[in-house]
Amino acid sequence: MPSPVGHTLLAFTVAGGKAQSGLSQPWWWLLIIIAGVAPDFDFLPGIIVGDPNRFHHGPSHSIAAAILFAATLWLLLKPVGKREAIILFLVYLSHLIADMLAADHGAPYGIPLLWPIQAEYFISPVPIFSNFSHGGKEAGLASVLRDIFSLPNLGAVAIEILILGPLFWIVERRRRRLRR
């Protein structure tokens, strides 16, 4: 699984940085960031029960969750129209794709992309991103935090920036040309 840095960089690559319709620029950026890391909010119930990884890579890492997330924002936030909801769905989906393209060192390997229709976990046979380590099963919060802020994870973030940074630059440059 990529880091929050990689997920955020990919989110801005997918969404673009320019505010959409009735949203102010800071609110649009905040929604992009939230949509980009939202699948990993499944850490929160695990933290509450003392096992941060217990629910990670579960149903929140599915297309159904992406649809539910975007539809909820569309229904609850007035400035979020259909176009913005579709963009936020695609940003959420980019998180799932990135996780499928990452090395995964903890079972179950991959993500339940088609949950609840299918229980199978999906992962690319050829990883593009390194595993961003966040503790093992039944690791406590202190162990997870120590793992997150480790030197190997710094290397994983550097690889994400080297891969996604140029991709973001190319896509954003193209967007600017099309706006002219």
C-alpha atoms as a PDB file:
ATOM      1  CA  MET A   1       0.000   0.000   0.000  1.00  0.00           C
ATOM      2  CA  PRO A   2       1.349   3.451  -0.849  1.00  0.00           C
ATOM      3  CA  SER A   3       1.767   6.133   1.788  1.00  0.00           C
ATOM      4  CA  PRO A   4      -0.635   9.029   2.401  1.00  0.00           C
ATOM      5  CA  VAL A   5       1.870  11.159   0.453  1.00  0.00           C
ATOM      6  CA  GLY A   6       1.591   8.898  -2.601  1.00  0.00           C
ATOM      7  CA  HIS A   7      -2.187   8.693  -2.339  1.00  0.00           C
ATOM      8  CA  THR A   8      -2.470  12.487  -2.099  1.00  0.00           C
ATOM      9  CA  LEU A   9      -0.148  13.085  -5.047  1.00  0.00           C
ATOM     10  CA  LEU A  10      -2.152  10.599  -7.112  1.00  0.00           C
ATOM     11  CA  ALA A  11      -5.410  12.245  -5.966  1.00  0.00           C
ATOM     12  CA  PHE A  12      -4.284  15.643  -7.290  1.00  0.00           C
ATOM     13  CA  THR A  13      -3.099  14.000 -10.499  1.00  0.00           C
ATOM     14  CA  VAL A  14      -6.581  12.572 -11.040  1.00  0.00           C
ATOM     15  CA  ALA A  15      -8.607  15.590  -9.871  1.00  0.00           C
ATOM     16  CA  GLY A  16      -6.490  18.565 -10.789  1.00  0.00           C
ATOM     17  CA  GLY A  17      -5.945  21.459  -8.438  1.00  0.00           C
ATOM     18  CA  LYS A  18      -8.458  23.922  -9.854  1.00  0.00           C
ATOM     19  CA  ALA A  19     -11.623  24.356  -7.782  1.00  0.00           C
ATOM     20  CA  GLN A  20     -14.838  22.986  -9.215  1.00  0.00           C
ATOM     21  CA  SER A  21     -18.074  25.003  -9.610  1.00  0.00           C
ATOM     22  CA  GLY A  22     -19.369  26.338  -6.268  1.00  0.00           C
ATOM     23  CA  LEU A  23     -16.469  25.154  -4.116  1.00  0.00           C
ATOM     24  CA  SER A  24     -13.767  27.490  -2.881  1.00  0.00           C
ATOM     25  CA  GLN A  25     -10.191  26.479  -3.674  1.00  0.00           C
ATOM     26  CA  PRO A  26      -9.286  25.397  -0.100  1.00  0.00           C
ATOM     27  CA  TRP A  27     -12.473  23.307   0.228  1.00  0.00           C
ATOM     28  CA  TRP A  28     -11.832  21.591  -3.103  1.00  0.00           C
ATOM     29  CA  TRP A  29      -8.260  20.767  -2.070  1.00  0.00           C
ATOM     30  CA  LEU A  30      -9.512  19.407   1.259  1.00  0.00           C
ATOM     31  CA  LEU A  31     -12.105  17.208  -0.488  1.00  0.00           C
ATOM     32  CA  ILE A  32      -9.439  15.891  -2.875  1.00  0.00           C
ATOM     33  CA  ILE A  33      -7.145  14.981   0.008  1.00  0.00           C
ATOM     34  CA  ILE A  34      -9.966  13.348   1.974  1.00  0.00           C
ATOM     35  CA  ALA A  35     -11.125  11.347  -1.071  1.00  0.00           C
ATOM     36  CA  GLY A  36      -7.535  10.298  -1.743  1.00  0.00           C
ATOM     37  CA  VAL A  37      -6.977   8.830   1.709  1.00  0.00           C
ATOM     38  CA  ALA A  38     -10.576   7.951   2.696  1.00  0.00           C
ATOM     39  CA  PRO A  39     -10.215   4.184   2.163  1.00  0.00           C
ATOM     40  CA  ASP A  40      -7.564   4.194   4.888  1.00  0.00           C
ATOM     41  CA  PHE A  41      -9.999   5.644   7.427  1.00  0.00           C
ATOM     42  CA  ASP A  42     -10.584   1.951   8.174  1.00  0.00           C
ATOM     43  CA  PHE A  43      -7.652   2.337  10.575  1.00  0.00           C
ATOM     44  CA  LEU A  44      -9.841   4.430  12.914  1.00  0.00           C
ATOM     45  CA  PRO A  45     -12.093   1.649  14.281  1.00  0.00           C
ATOM     46  CA  GLY A  46      -8.988  -0.506  14.689  1.00  0.00           C
ATOM     47  CA  ILE A  47      -7.305   2.212  16.740  1.00  0.00           C
ATOM     48  CA  ILE A  48     -10.395   2.370  18.958  1.00  0.00           C
ATOM     49  CA  VAL A  49     -10.223  -1.389  19.674  1.00  0.00           C
ATOM     50  CA  GLY A  50      -6.427  -1.329  20.153  1.00  0.00           C
ATOM     51  CA  ASP A  51      -5.499  -3.088  16.884  1.00  0.00           C
ATOM     52  CA  PRO A  52      -5.065  -0.414  14.162  1.00  0.00           C
ATOM     53  CA  ASN A  53      -4.707  -2.963  11.340  1.00  0.00           C
ATOM     54  CA  ARG A  54      -7.715  -5.102  12.274  1.00  0.00           C
ATOM     55  CA  PHE A  55     -10.072  -3.633   9.655  1.00  0.00           C
ATOM     56  CA  HIS A  56      -7.495  -2.350   7.149  1.00  0.00           C
ATOM     57  CA  HIS A  57      -7.930  -3.403   3.515  1.00  0.00           C
ATOM     58  CA  GLY A  58     -11.507  -4.404   4.195  1.00  0.00           C
ATOM     59  CA  PRO A  59     -14.748  -3.181   2.612  1.00  0.00           C
ATOM     60  CA  SER A  60     -13.570   0.454   2.502  1.00  0.00           C
ATOM     61  CA  HIS A  61     -11.178  -0.709  -0.234  1.00  0.00           C
ATOM     62  CA  SER A  62     -13.941  -1.593  -2.694  1.00  0.00           C
ATOM     63  CA  ILE A  63     -15.734   0.015  -5.615  1.00  0.00           C
ATOM     64  CA  ALA A  64     -18.951  -0.109  -3.563  1.00  0.00           C
ATOM     65  CA  ALA A  65     -17.316   2.043  -0.881  1.00  0.00           C
ATOM     66  CA  ALA A  66     -16.127   4.495  -3.552  1.00  0.00           C
ATOM     67  CA  ILE A  67     -19.675   4.830  -4.871  1.00  0.00           C
ATOM     68  CA  LEU A  68     -21.073   5.245  -1.354  1.00  0.00           C
ATOM     69  CA  PHE A  69     -18.429   7.882  -0.506  1.00  0.00           C
ATOM     70  CA  ALA A  70     -19.069   9.993  -3.630  1.00  0.00           C
ATOM     71  CA  ALA A  71     -22.859   9.652  -3.397  1.00  0.00           C
ATOM     72  CA  THR A  72     -22.828  10.687   0.258  1.00  0.00           C
ATOM     73  CA  LEU A  73     -20.816  13.838  -0.502  1.00  0.00           C
ATOM     74  CA  TRP A  74     -23.107  14.614  -3.438  1.00  0.00           C
ATOM     75  CA  LEU A  75     -26.224  14.251  -1.259  1.00  0.00           C
ATOM     76  CA  LEU A  76     -24.913  16.001   1.864  1.00  0.00           C
ATOM     77  CA  LEU A  77     -22.761  18.848   0.534  1.00  0.00           C
ATOM     78  CA  LYS A  78     -24.691  21.344  -1.554  1.00  0.00           C
ATOM     79  CA  PRO A  79     -21.702  22.661  -3.585  1.00  0.00           C
ATOM     80  CA  VAL A  80     -20.784  19.110  -4.626  1.00  0.00           C
ATOM     81  CA  GLY A  81     -22.599  18.513  -7.906  1.00  0.00           C
ATOM     82  CA  LYS A  82     -22.604  15.445 -10.125  1.00  0.00           C
ATOM     83  CA  ARG A  83     -19.360  16.455 -11.853  1.00  0.00           C
ATOM     84  CA  GLU A  84     -17.537  16.934  -8.542  1.00  0.00           C
ATOM     85  CA  ALA A  85     -18.957  13.683  -7.161  1.00  0.00           C
ATOM     86  CA  ILE A  86     -17.667  11.804 -10.218  1.00  0.00           C
ATOM     87  CA  ILE A  87     -14.219  13.369  -9.804  1.00  0.00           C
ATOM     88  CA  LEU A  88     -14.185  12.465  -6.086  1.00  0.00           C
ATOM     89  CA  PHE A  89     -15.287   8.900  -6.973  1.00  0.00           C
ATOM     90  CA  LEU A  90     -12.347   8.675  -9.406  1.00  0.00           C
ATOM     91  CA  VAL A  91      -9.965  10.022  -6.760  1.00  0.00           C
ATOM     92  CA  TYR A  92     -11.207   7.420  -4.257  1.00  0.00           C
ATOM     93  CA  LEU A  93     -10.843   4.775  -6.967  1.00  0.00           C
ATOM     94  CA  SER A  94      -7.248   5.919  -7.611  1.00  0.00           C
ATOM     95  CA  HIS A  95      -6.456   4.939  -4.014  1.00  0.00           C
ATOM     96  CA  LEU A  96      -7.757   1.423  -4.680  1.00  0.00           C
ATOM     97  CA  ILE A  97      -5.748   1.083  -7.880  1.00  0.00           C
ATOM     98  CA  ALA A  98      -2.584   2.321  -6.162  1.00  0.00           C
ATOM     99  CA  ASP A  99      -3.065  -0.207  -3.352  1.00  0.00           C
ATOM    100  CA  MET A 100      -3.477  -2.986  -5.918  1.00  0.00           C
ATOM    101  CA  LEU A 101      -0.211  -1.866  -7.569  1.00  0.00           C
ATOM    102  CA  ALA A 102       1.775  -1.952  -4.325  1.00  0.00           C
ATOM    103  CA  ALA A 103       3.717  -4.701  -2.655  1.00  0.00           C
ATOM    104  CA  ASP A 104       1.696  -6.120   0.224  1.00  0.00           C
ATOM    105  CA  HIS A 105       3.485  -8.022   2.985  1.00  0.00           C
ATOM    106  CA  GLY A 106       0.483  -8.831   5.149  1.00  0.00           C
ATOM    107  CA  ALA A 107      -2.333 -11.294   4.527  1.00  0.00           C
ATOM    108  CA  PRO A 108      -4.847 -10.941   3.101  1.00  0.00           C
ATOM    109  CA  TYR A 109      -2.843  -9.694   0.122  1.00  0.00           C
ATOM    110  CA  GLY A 110      -4.436  -6.971  -1.973  1.00  0.00           C
ATOM    111  CA  ILE A 111      -7.879  -5.425  -1.636  1.00  0.00           C
ATOM    112  CA  PRO A 112     -11.490  -6.680  -1.827  1.00  0.00           C
ATOM    113  CA  LEU A 113     -12.203  -4.586  -4.928  1.00  0.00           C
ATOM    114  CA  LEU A 114     -15.560  -6.190  -5.750  1.00  0.00           C
ATOM    115  CA  TRP A 115     -16.905  -6.489  -2.193  1.00  0.00           C
ATOM    116  CA  PRO A 116     -19.782  -7.271  -1.384  1.00  0.00           C
ATOM    117  CA  ILE A 117     -20.374  -9.097  -4.686  1.00  0.00           C
ATOM    118  CA  GLN A 118     -17.144 -11.074  -4.453  1.00  0.00           C
ATOM    119  CA  ALA A 119     -14.911 -11.764  -1.430  1.00  0.00           C
ATOM    120  CA  GLU A 120     -11.743 -12.258  -3.514  1.00  0.00           C
ATOM    121  CA  TYR A 121      -8.777  -9.952  -2.911  1.00  0.00           C
ATOM    122  CA  PHE A 122      -7.032  -8.418  -5.922  1.00  0.00           C
ATOM    123  CA  ILE A 123      -3.365  -7.440  -6.240  1.00  0.00           C
ATOM    124  CA  SER A 124      -1.056  -6.851  -9.179  1.00  0.00           C
ATOM    125  CA  PRO A 125       1.447  -9.650  -9.815  1.00  0.00           C
ATOM    126  CA  VAL A 126       4.026  -6.947 -10.564  1.00  0.00           C
ATOM    127  CA  PRO A 127       4.115  -4.228  -7.882  1.00  0.00           C
ATOM    128  CA  ILE A 128       4.981  -0.670  -8.890  1.00  0.00           C
ATOM    129  CA  PHE A 129       5.028   0.810  -5.394  1.00  0.00           C
ATOM    130  CA  SER A 130       6.891  -0.426  -2.328  1.00  0.00           C
ATOM    131  CA  ASN A 131       5.051  -1.638   0.721  1.00  0.00           C
ATOM    132  CA  PHE A 132       4.438   1.262   3.095  1.00  0.00           C
ATOM    133  CA  SER A 133       4.732  -0.565   6.397  1.00  0.00           C
ATOM    134  CA  HIS A 134       2.203   0.166   9.139  1.00  0.00           C
ATOM    135  CA  GLY A 135       2.724  -2.610  11.649  1.00  0.00           C
ATOM    136  CA  GLY A 136       1.538  -6.175  11.540  1.00  0.00           C
ATOM    137  CA  LYS A 137      -1.600  -7.889  12.758  1.00  0.00           C
ATOM    138  CA  GLU A 138      -2.429  -7.112  16.360  1.00  0.00           C
ATOM    139  CA  ALA A 139       0.293  -4.445  16.558  1.00  0.00           C
ATOM    140  CA  GLY A 140      -0.483  -1.705  19.040  1.00  0.00           C
ATOM    141  CA  LEU A 141      -0.685   1.978  18.142  1.00  0.00           C
ATOM    142  CA  ALA A 142       2.865   2.728  19.355  1.00  0.00           C
ATOM    143  CA  SER A 143       4.275  -0.061  17.183  1.00  0.00           C
ATOM    144  CA  VAL A 144       2.265   1.113  14.174  1.00  0.00           C
ATOM    145  CA  LEU A 145       3.450   4.717  14.592  1.00  0.00           C
ATOM    146  CA  ARG A 146       7.074   3.581  14.984  1.00  0.00           C
ATOM    147  CA  ASP A 147       6.720   1.560  11.791  1.00  0.00           C
ATOM    148  CA  ILE A 148       5.077   4.422   9.861  1.00  0.00           C
ATOM    149  CA  PHE A 149       7.890   6.842  10.693  1.00  0.00           C
ATOM    150  CA  SER A 150      10.675   4.396   9.804  1.00  0.00           C
ATOM    151  CA  LEU A 151      13.570   4.777   7.380  1.00  0.00           C
ATOM    152  CA  PRO A 152      12.248   2.081   4.973  1.00  0.00           C
ATOM    153  CA  ASN A 153       8.972   4.011   4.715  1.00  0.00           C
ATOM    154  CA  LEU A 154      10.901   7.184   3.902  1.00  0.00           C
ATOM    155  CA  GLY A 155      12.393   5.264   0.968  1.00  0.00           C
ATOM    156  CA  ALA A 156       8.916   4.104  -0.084  1.00  0.00           C
ATOM    157  CA  VAL A 157       7.701   7.732  -0.069  1.00  0.00           C
ATOM    158  CA  ALA A 158      10.725   8.776  -2.155  1.00  0.00           C
ATOM    159  CA  ILE A 159       9.872   6.113  -4.759  1.00  0.00           C
ATOM    160  CA  GLU A 160       6.246   7.324  -4.852  1.00  0.00           C
ATOM    161  CA  ILE A 161       7.402  10.894  -5.437  1.00  0.00           C
ATOM    162  CA  LEU A 162       9.792   9.764  -8.170  1.00  0.00           C
ATOM    163  CA  ILE A 163       6.990   7.870  -9.936  1.00  0.00           C
ATOM    164  CA  LEU A 164       3.992  10.115  -9.280  1.00  0.00           C
ATOM    165  CA  GLY A 165       5.708  13.519  -9.292  1.00  0.00           C
ATOM    166  CA  PRO A 166       6.519  13.469 -13.022  1.00  0.00           C
ATOM    167  CA  LEU A 167       3.087  11.966 -13.781  1.00  0.00           C
ATOM    168  CA  PHE A 168       1.402  14.835 -11.894  1.00  0.00           C
ATOM    169  CA  TRP A 169       3.593  17.388 -13.706  1.00  0.00           C
ATOM    170  CA  ILE A 170       2.750  15.941 -17.148  1.00  0.00           C
ATOM    171  CA  VAL A 171      -0.996  15.739 -16.451  1.00  0.00           C
ATOM    172  CA  GLU A 172      -1.148  19.227 -14.951  1.00  0.00           C
ATOM    173  CA  ARG A 173       0.813  20.701 -17.845  1.00  0.00           C
ATOM    174  CA  ARG A 174      -1.625  19.087 -20.287  1.00  0.00           C
ATOM    175  CA  ARG A 175      -4.595  20.452 -18.334  1.00  0.00           C
ATOM    176  CA  ARG A 176      -3.171  23.965 -18.520  1.00  0.00           C
ATOM    177  CA  ARG A 177      -2.695  23.696 -22.275  1.00  0.00           C
ATOM    178  CA  LEU A 178      -6.276  22.545 -22.733  1.00  0.00           C
ATOM    179  CA  ARG A 179      -7.596  25.486 -20.648  1.00  0.00           C
ATOM    180  CA  ARG A 180      -5.974  28.036 -22.993  1.00  0.00           C
END
